[in-house]
PDB file of N, CA and C in Angstrom:
ATOM      1  N   MET A   1       0.833  -1.045   0.158  1.00  0.00           N
ATOM      2  CA  MET A   1       0.187  -0.055   0.012  1.00  0.00           C
ATOM      3  C   MET A   1       0.752   1.817   0.057  1.00  0.00           C
ATOM      4  N   ASN A   2       1.837   1.482   0.806  1.00  0.00           N
ATOM      5  CA  ASN A   2       2.415   2.353   0.835  1.00  0.00           C
ATOM      6  C   ASN A   2       3.479   2.690  -0.330  1.00  0.00           C
ATOM      7  N   LYS A   3       4.026   1.219  -1.057  1.00  0.00           N
ATOM      8  CA  LYS A   3       4.895   1.760  -2.611  1.00  0.00           C
ATOM      9  C   LYS A   3       3.683   2.373  -3.403  1.00  0.00           C
ATOM     10  N   ARG A   4       2.520   2.017  -3.704  1.00  0.00           N
ATOM     11  CA  ARG A   4       1.439   2.553  -4.472  1.00  0.00           C
ATOM     12  C   ARG A   4       1.291   4.081  -3.997  1.00  0.00           C
ATOM     13  N   ILE A   5       0.874   4.515  -2.929  1.00  0.00           N
ATOM     14  CA  ILE A   5       1.113   5.497  -2.288  1.00  0.00           C
ATOM     15  C   ILE A   5       2.375   6.592  -2.796  1.00  0.00           C
ATOM     16  N   GLY A   6       3.476   6.319  -3.072  1.00  0.00           N
ATOM     17  CA  GLY A   6       4.673   6.602  -2.868  1.00  0.00           C
ATOM     18  C   GLY A   6       4.569   6.569  -4.612  1.00  0.00           C
ATOM     19  N   TRP A   7       4.459   5.875  -5.651  1.00  0.00           N
ATOM     20  CA  TRP A   7       3.878   6.089  -7.069  1.00  0.00           C
ATOM     21  C   TRP A   7       3.362   7.240  -7.568  1.00  0.00           C
ATOM     22  N   ILE A   8       2.172   6.832  -6.869  1.00  0.00           N
ATOM     23  CA  ILE A   8       1.061   7.918  -7.130  1.00  0.00           C
ATOM     24  C   ILE A   8       1.629   9.430  -6.902  1.00  0.00           C
ATOM     25  N   LEU A   9       2.318   9.545  -5.735  1.00  0.00           N
ATOM     26  CA  LEU A   9       2.825  10.975  -5.408  1.00  0.00           C
ATOM     27  C   LEU A   9       3.659  11.306  -6.275  1.00  0.00           C
ATOM     28  N   ALA A  10       4.674  10.628  -6.621  1.00  0.00           N
ATOM     29  CA  ALA A  10       6.062  10.542  -7.284  1.00  0.00           C
ATOM     30  C   ALA A  10       5.372  11.423  -8.817  1.00  0.00           C
ATOM     31  N   VAL A  11       4.425  10.274  -9.448  1.00  0.00           N
ATOM     32  CA  VAL A  11       4.027  10.625 -10.741  1.00  0.00           C
ATOM     33  C   VAL A  11       2.963  12.119 -10.655  1.00  0.00           C
ATOM     34  N   VAL A  12       2.533  12.726  -9.352  1.00  0.00           N
ATOM     35  CA  VAL A  12       1.851  13.968  -9.177  1.00  0.00           C
ATOM     36  C   VAL A  12       2.589  14.809  -9.348  1.00  0.00           C
ATOM     37  N   VAL A  13       3.486  14.657  -8.437  1.00  0.00           N
ATOM     38  CA  VAL A  13       4.855  15.418  -8.570  1.00  0.00           C
ATOM     39  C   VAL A  13       5.487  15.935  -9.512  1.00  0.00           C
ATOM     40  N   ALA A  14       5.800  15.064 -10.558  1.00  0.00           N
ATOM     41  CA  ALA A  14       6.083  14.919 -11.648  1.00  0.00           C
ATOM     42  C   ALA A  14       5.504  15.253 -12.861  1.00  0.00           C
ATOM     43  N   LEU A  15       4.327  15.441 -12.943  1.00  0.00           N
ATOM     44  CA  LEU A  15       3.588  16.325 -14.249  1.00  0.00           C
ATOM     45  C   LEU A  15       3.524  17.591 -14.421  1.00  0.00           C
ATOM     46  N   PRO A  16       4.001  18.002 -15.537  1.00  0.00           N
ATOM     47  CA  PRO A  16       4.441  19.092 -15.558  1.00  0.00           C
ATOM     48  C   PRO A  16       3.029  20.096 -15.268  1.00  0.00           C
ATOM     49  N   MET A  17       3.555  21.317 -14.312  1.00  0.00           N
ATOM     50  CA  MET A  17       2.272  22.408 -14.198  1.00  0.00           C
ATOM     51  C   MET A  17       2.953  23.675 -14.833  1.00  0.00           C
ATOM     52  N   PRO A  18       1.390  24.050 -15.601  1.00  0.00           N
ATOM     53  CA  PRO A  18       1.692  25.051 -16.557  1.00  0.00           C
ATOM     54  C   PRO A  18       1.979  26.399 -15.939  1.00  0.00           C
ATOM     55  N   GLU A  19       1.595  26.271 -14.762  1.00  0.00           N
ATOM     56  CA  GLU A  19       2.243  27.626 -13.875  1.00  0.00           C
ATOM     57  C   GLU A  19       3.542  27.874 -13.481  1.00  0.00           C
ATOM     58  N   LEU A  20       3.853  26.577 -13.288  1.00  0.00           N
ATOM     59  CA  LEU A  20       5.364  26.823 -12.708  1.00  0.00           C
ATOM     60  C   LEU A  20       6.193  26.754 -14.143  1.00  0.00           C
ATOM     61  N   ALA A  21       5.667  26.312 -15.484  1.00  0.00           N
ATOM     62  CA  ALA A  21       6.730  26.247 -16.424  1.00  0.00           C
ATOM     63  C   ALA A  21       6.475  28.346 -17.184  1.00  0.00           C
ATOM     64  N   TRP A  22       5.729  28.719 -16.850  1.00  0.00           N
ATOM     65  CA  TRP A  22       5.703  30.051 -17.138  1.00  0.00           C
ATOM     66  C   TRP A  22       6.296  30.914 -16.122  1.00  0.00           C
ATOM     67  N   ALA A  23       6.464  30.618 -14.976  1.00  0.00           N
ATOM     68  CA  ALA A  23       7.072  31.401 -13.995  1.00  0.00           C
ATOM     69  C   ALA A  23       8.507  30.876 -14.236  1.00  0.00           C
ATOM     70  N   VAL A  24       9.098  29.744 -14.702  1.00  0.00           N
ATOM     71  CA  VAL A  24      10.472  29.648 -15.153  1.00  0.00           C
ATOM     72  C   VAL A  24      10.960  30.347 -16.380  1.00  0.00           C
ATOM     73  N   ASP A  25      10.029  30.285 -17.400  1.00  0.00           N
ATOM     74  CA  ASP A  25      10.265  31.047 -18.585  1.00  0.00           C
ATOM     75  C   ASP A  25      10.254  32.213 -18.620  1.00  0.00           C
ATOM     76  N   SER A  26       9.581  32.897 -17.410  1.00  0.00           N
ATOM     77  CA  SER A  26       9.683  34.281 -17.263  1.00  0.00           C
ATOM     78  C   SER A  26      10.929  34.910 -16.683  1.00  0.00           C
ATOM     79  N   TYR A  27      11.232  36.025 -16.582  1.00  0.00           N
ATOM     80  CA  TYR A  27      11.825  36.963 -15.728  1.00  0.00           C
ATOM     81  C   TYR A  27      11.531  37.207 -14.569  1.00  0.00           C
ATOM     82  N   ARG A  28      10.077  36.935 -14.187  1.00  0.00           N
ATOM     83  CA  ARG A  28       9.857  37.191 -12.844  1.00  0.00           C
ATOM     84  C   ARG A  28      10.531  36.840 -11.464  1.00  0.00           C
ATOM     85  N   TYR A  29      11.126  35.623 -11.630  1.00  0.00           N
ATOM     86  CA  TYR A  29      12.167  34.938 -10.702  1.00  0.00           C
ATOM     87  C   TYR A  29      13.243  35.428 -10.736  1.00  0.00           C
ATOM     88  N   LEU A  30      14.041  35.787 -11.801  1.00  0.00           N
ATOM     89  CA  LEU A  30      15.477  36.156 -12.287  1.00  0.00           C
ATOM     90  C   LEU A  30      15.265  37.572 -12.508  1.00  0.00           C
ATOM     91  N   HIS A  31      15.683  38.154 -11.195  1.00  0.00           N
ATOM     92  CA  HIS A  31      15.975  39.911 -11.324  1.00  0.00           C
ATOM     93  C   HIS A  31      17.236  39.948 -11.248  1.00  0.00           C
ATOM     94  N   VAL A  32      18.084  40.258 -12.950  1.00  0.00           N
ATOM     95  CA  VAL A  32      19.146  40.627 -12.824  1.00  0.00           C
ATOM     96  C   VAL A  32      19.421  41.923 -12.978  1.00  0.00           C
ATOM     97  N   THR A  33      20.040  42.453 -11.977  1.00  0.00           N
ATOM     98  CA  THR A  33      20.289  43.792 -11.804  1.00  0.00           C
ATOM     99  C   THR A  33      21.876  44.073 -12.018  1.00  0.00           C
ATOM    100  N   PRO A  34      22.278  45.438 -11.924  1.00  0.00           N
ATOM    101  CA  PRO A  34      23.603  45.602 -12.220  1.00  0.00           C
ATOM    102  C   PRO A  34      24.387  45.155 -10.906  1.00  0.00           C
ATOM    103  N   GLU A  35      23.571  45.276  -9.575  1.00  0.00           N
ATOM    104  CA  GLU A  35      24.542  44.326  -8.513  1.00  0.00           C
ATOM    105  C   GLU A  35      24.604  43.006  -8.396  1.00  0.00           C
ATOM    106  N   THR A  36      23.732  41.857  -9.419  1.00  0.00           N
ATOM    107  CA  THR A  36      23.858  41.066  -9.581  1.00  0.00           C
ATOM    108  C   THR A  36      25.299  40.303  -9.528  1.00  0.00           C
ATOM    109  N   PRO A  37      25.885  41.016 -10.055  1.00  0.00           N
ATOM    110  CA  PRO A  37      27.650  40.201 -10.419  1.00  0.00           C
ATOM    111  C   PRO A  37      28.254  40.405  -8.981  1.00  0.00           C
ATOM    112  N   TRP A  38      28.261  41.522  -8.154  1.00  0.00           N
ATOM    113  CA  TRP A  38      28.451  41.442  -6.898  1.00  0.00           C
ATOM    114  C   TRP A  38      27.706  40.584  -6.027  1.00  0.00           C
ATOM    115  N   TYR A  39      26.658  40.288  -5.954  1.00  0.00           N
ATOM    116  CA  TYR A  39      26.124  39.267  -5.373  1.00  0.00           C
ATOM    117  C   TYR A  39      26.733  38.013  -5.463  1.00  0.00           C
ATOM    118  N   ILE A  40      27.182  37.736  -6.740  1.00  0.00           N
ATOM    119  CA  ILE A  40      27.555  36.319  -7.372  1.00  0.00           C
ATOM    120  C   ILE A  40      29.097  36.384  -6.424  1.00  0.00           C
ATOM    121  N   PHE A  41      29.908  37.540  -6.584  1.00  0.00           N
ATOM    122  CA  PHE A  41      31.353  37.747  -6.265  1.00  0.00           C
ATOM    123  C   PHE A  41      30.918  37.236  -5.161  1.00  0.00           C
ATOM    124  N   LEU A  42      30.290  38.196  -3.848  1.00  0.00           N
ATOM    125  CA  LEU A  42      30.298  38.095  -2.150  1.00  0.00           C
ATOM    126  C   LEU A  42      29.707  36.564  -2.131  1.00  0.00           C
ATOM    127  N   PHE A  43      29.023  35.866  -2.914  1.00  0.00           N
ATOM    128  CA  PHE A  43      28.740  34.270  -2.660  1.00  0.00           C
ATOM    129  C   PHE A  43      29.768  33.496  -3.064  1.00  0.00           C
ATOM    130  N   LEU A  44      30.250  33.726  -4.039  1.00  0.00           N
ATOM    131  CA  LEU A  44      31.459  32.829  -4.332  1.00  0.00           C
ATOM    132  C   LEU A  44      32.918  33.306  -3.418  1.00  0.00           C
ATOM    133  N   LEU A  45      32.904  34.614  -3.138  1.00  0.00           N
ATOM    134  CA  LEU A  45      34.280  34.772  -2.263  1.00  0.00           C
ATOM    135  C   LEU A  45      34.468  33.717  -1.214  1.00  0.00           C
ATOM    136  N   PRO A  46      33.977  33.801  -0.249  1.00  0.00           N
ATOM    137  CA  PRO A  46      34.452  32.532   0.784  1.00  0.00           C
ATOM    138  C   PRO A  46      34.200  31.419   0.801  1.00  0.00           C
ATOM    139  N   ILE A  47      34.280  30.908  -0.785  1.00  0.00           N
ATOM    140  CA  ILE A  47      33.900  29.426  -0.818  1.00  0.00           C
ATOM    141  C   ILE A  47      35.589  29.238  -1.745  1.00  0.00           C
ATOM    142  N   VAL A  48      35.996  30.134  -2.438  1.00  0.00           N
ATOM    143  CA  VAL A  48      37.084  30.249  -3.086  1.00  0.00           C
ATOM    144  C   VAL A  48      38.322  30.551  -1.891  1.00  0.00           C
ATOM    145  N   VAL A  49      37.909  31.475  -1.081  1.00  0.00           N
ATOM    146  CA  VAL A  49      39.252  31.953   0.057  1.00  0.00           C
ATOM    147  C   VAL A  49      39.405  31.101   1.435  1.00  0.00           C
ATOM    148  N   SER A  50      38.093  30.360   1.831  1.00  0.00           N
ATOM    149  CA  SER A  50      38.300  29.413   2.849  1.00  0.00           C
ATOM    150  C   SER A  50      39.315  28.182   2.586  1.00  0.00           C
ATOM    151  N   PRO A  51      39.481  27.829   1.606  1.00  0.00           N
ATOM    152  CA  PRO A  51      40.658  26.801   1.638  1.00  0.00           C
ATOM    153  C   PRO A  51      42.011  27.279   1.568  1.00  0.00           C
ATOM    154  N   PHE A  52      42.404  28.560   1.295  1.00  0.00           N
ATOM    155  CA  PHE A  52      43.293  29.011   1.537  1.00  0.00           C
ATOM    156  C   PHE A  52      43.959  29.491   2.934  1.00  0.00           C
ATOM    157  N   ILE A  53      42.746  30.028   3.707  1.00  0.00           N
ATOM    158  CA  ILE A  53      42.874  30.274   5.214  1.00  0.00           C
ATOM    159  C   ILE A  53      42.924  28.971   5.959  1.00  0.00           C
ATOM    160  N   LEU A  54      42.338  27.665   5.329  1.00  0.00           N
ATOM    161  CA  LEU A  54      42.481  26.525   5.844  1.00  0.00           C
ATOM    162  C   LEU A  54      44.033  26.372   5.871  1.00  0.00           C
ATOM    163  N   MET A  55      44.637  26.126   4.922  1.00  0.00           N
ATOM    164  CA  MET A  55      45.890  25.737   4.386  1.00  0.00           C
ATOM    165  C   MET A  55      46.985  26.809   5.524  1.00  0.00           C
ATOM    166  N   ALA A  56      46.682  28.024   5.732  1.00  0.00           N
ATOM    167  CA  ALA A  56      47.270  28.595   6.576  1.00  0.00           C
ATOM    168  C   ALA A  56      47.626  28.384   8.065  1.00  0.00           C
ATOM    169  N   ILE A  57      46.423  28.173   8.448  1.00  0.00           N
ATOM    170  CA  ILE A  57      46.333  27.719   9.413  1.00  0.00           C
ATOM    171  C   ILE A  57      46.709  26.199   9.762  1.00  0.00           C
ATOM    172  N   LEU A  58      46.747  25.639   8.796  1.00  0.00           N
ATOM    173  CA  LEU A  58      47.194  24.253   9.150  1.00  0.00           C
ATOM    174  C   LEU A  58      48.898  24.247   8.970  1.00  0.00           C
ATOM    175  N   TYR A  59      49.295  24.918   8.228  1.00  0.00           N
ATOM    176  CA  TYR A  59      50.739  25.194   7.923  1.00  0.00           C
ATOM    177  C   TYR A  59      51.434  26.056   9.296  1.00  0.00           C
ATOM    178  N   TRP A  60      50.536  26.627   9.853  1.00  0.00           N
ATOM    179  CA  TRP A  60      51.341  27.415  11.099  1.00  0.00           C
ATOM    180  C   TRP A  60      50.971  26.428  12.026  1.00  0.00           C
ATOM    181  N   TYR A  61      50.180  25.650  11.977  1.00  0.00           N
ATOM    182  CA  TYR A  61      50.187  24.352  13.557  1.00  0.00           C
ATOM    183  C   TYR A  61      51.399  23.586  13.462  1.00  0.00           C
ATOM    184  N   PHE A  62      51.249  22.998  11.929  1.00  0.00           N
ATOM    185  CA  PHE A  62      52.244  21.875  12.101  1.00  0.00           C
ATOM    186  C   PHE A  62      53.723  22.390  11.789  1.00  0.00           C
ATOM    187  N   ALA A  63      53.846  23.890  11.728  1.00  0.00           N
ATOM    188  CA  ALA A  63      55.184  24.779  11.469  1.00  0.00           C
ATOM    189  C   ALA A  63      55.677  24.381  13.282  1.00  0.00           C
ATOM    190  N   TRP A  64      55.028  25.045  14.005  1.00  0.00           N
ATOM    191  CA  TRP A  64      55.218  25.139  15.301  1.00  0.00           C
ATOM    192  C   TRP A  64      55.186  23.736  16.010  1.00  0.00           C
ATOM    193  N   ARG A  65      54.607  22.972  15.381  1.00  0.00           N
ATOM    194  CA  ARG A  65      54.597  21.341  15.511  1.00  0.00           C
ATOM    195  C   ARG A  65      55.748  20.842  15.703  1.00  0.00           C
ATOM    196  N   LYS A  66      56.482  20.860  14.640  1.00  0.00           N
ATOM    197  CA  LYS A  66      57.257  20.017  14.493  1.00  0.00           C
ATOM    198  C   LYS A  66      58.916  20.117  15.002  1.00  0.00           C
ATOM    199  N   PRO A  67      59.589  21.525  15.019  1.00  0.00           N
ATOM    200  CA  PRO A  67      60.713  21.753  16.310  1.00  0.00           C
ATOM    201  C   PRO A  67      60.300  21.625  17.350  1.00  0.00           C
ATOM    202  N   ALA A  68      59.218  21.475  17.765  1.00  0.00           N
ATOM    203  CA  ALA A  68      58.952  20.925  19.391  1.00  0.00           C
ATOM    204  C   ALA A  68      59.048  19.652  19.667  1.00  0.00           C
ATOM    205  N   ALA A  69      58.863  18.573  18.455  1.00  0.00           N
ATOM    206  CA  ALA A  69      58.867  17.121  18.660  1.00  0.00           C
ATOM    207  C   ALA A  69      60.592  16.529  18.375  1.00  0.00           C
ATOM    208  N   ARG A  70      61.043  17.632  17.552  1.00  0.00           N
ATOM    209  CA  ARG A  70      62.787  17.267  17.220  1.00  0.00           C
ATOM    210  C   ARG A  70      63.153  17.803  18.386  1.00  0.00           C
ATOM    211  N   ASP A  71      63.026  18.896  18.854  1.00  0.00           N
ATOM    212  CA  ASP A  71      63.889  18.916  20.183  1.00  0.00           C
ATOM    213  C   ASP A  71      63.803  17.694  21.314  1.00  0.00           C
ATOM    214  N   ASP A  72      62.397  16.685  21.293  1.00  0.00           N
ATOM    215  CA  ASP A  72      62.625  16.042  22.443  1.00  0.00           C
ATOM    216  C   ASP A  72      63.067  15.203  22.235  1.00  0.00           C
ATOM    217  N   ARG A  73      63.334  14.684  20.584  1.00  0.00           N
ATOM    218  CA  ARG A  73      64.250  13.508  20.442  1.00  0.00           C
ATOM    219  C   ARG A  73      65.723  13.671  20.478  1.00  0.00           C
ATOM    220  N   GLU A  74      65.748  14.810  20.183  1.00  0.00           N
ATOM    221  CA  GLU A  74      67.606  15.165  20.670  1.00  0.00           C
ATOM    222  C   GLU A  74      67.546  14.956  22.081  1.00  0.00           C
ATOM    223  N   GLU A  75      66.796  15.466  22.963  1.00  0.00           N
ATOM    224  CA  GLU A  75      66.873  15.261  24.523  1.00  0.00           C
ATOM    225  C   GLU A  75      67.242  13.738  24.849  1.00  0.00           C
ATOM    226  N   GLU A  76      66.521  13.023  24.038  1.00  0.00           N
ATOM    227  CA  GLU A  76      66.529  11.662  24.691  1.00  0.00           C
ATOM    228  C   GLU A  76      67.848  10.891  24.241  1.00  0.00           C
TER     229      GLU A  76
END
């Protein structure tokens, strides 16, 4: 019974709905303004920069850690 309801629900959702098709084709939801490239830039900036920040943090963390481990080995 549950599989039948799932299939029926999937078919109903998958049917093309004319109102949604008209909305996607129109520019009603695509507000492209001169500020749009800035919004895209500000959205992508943290995604691009965060790996470099993480690399710098990890580099400094392990750079400080290695000499301490080397000094311990020399004392033994």
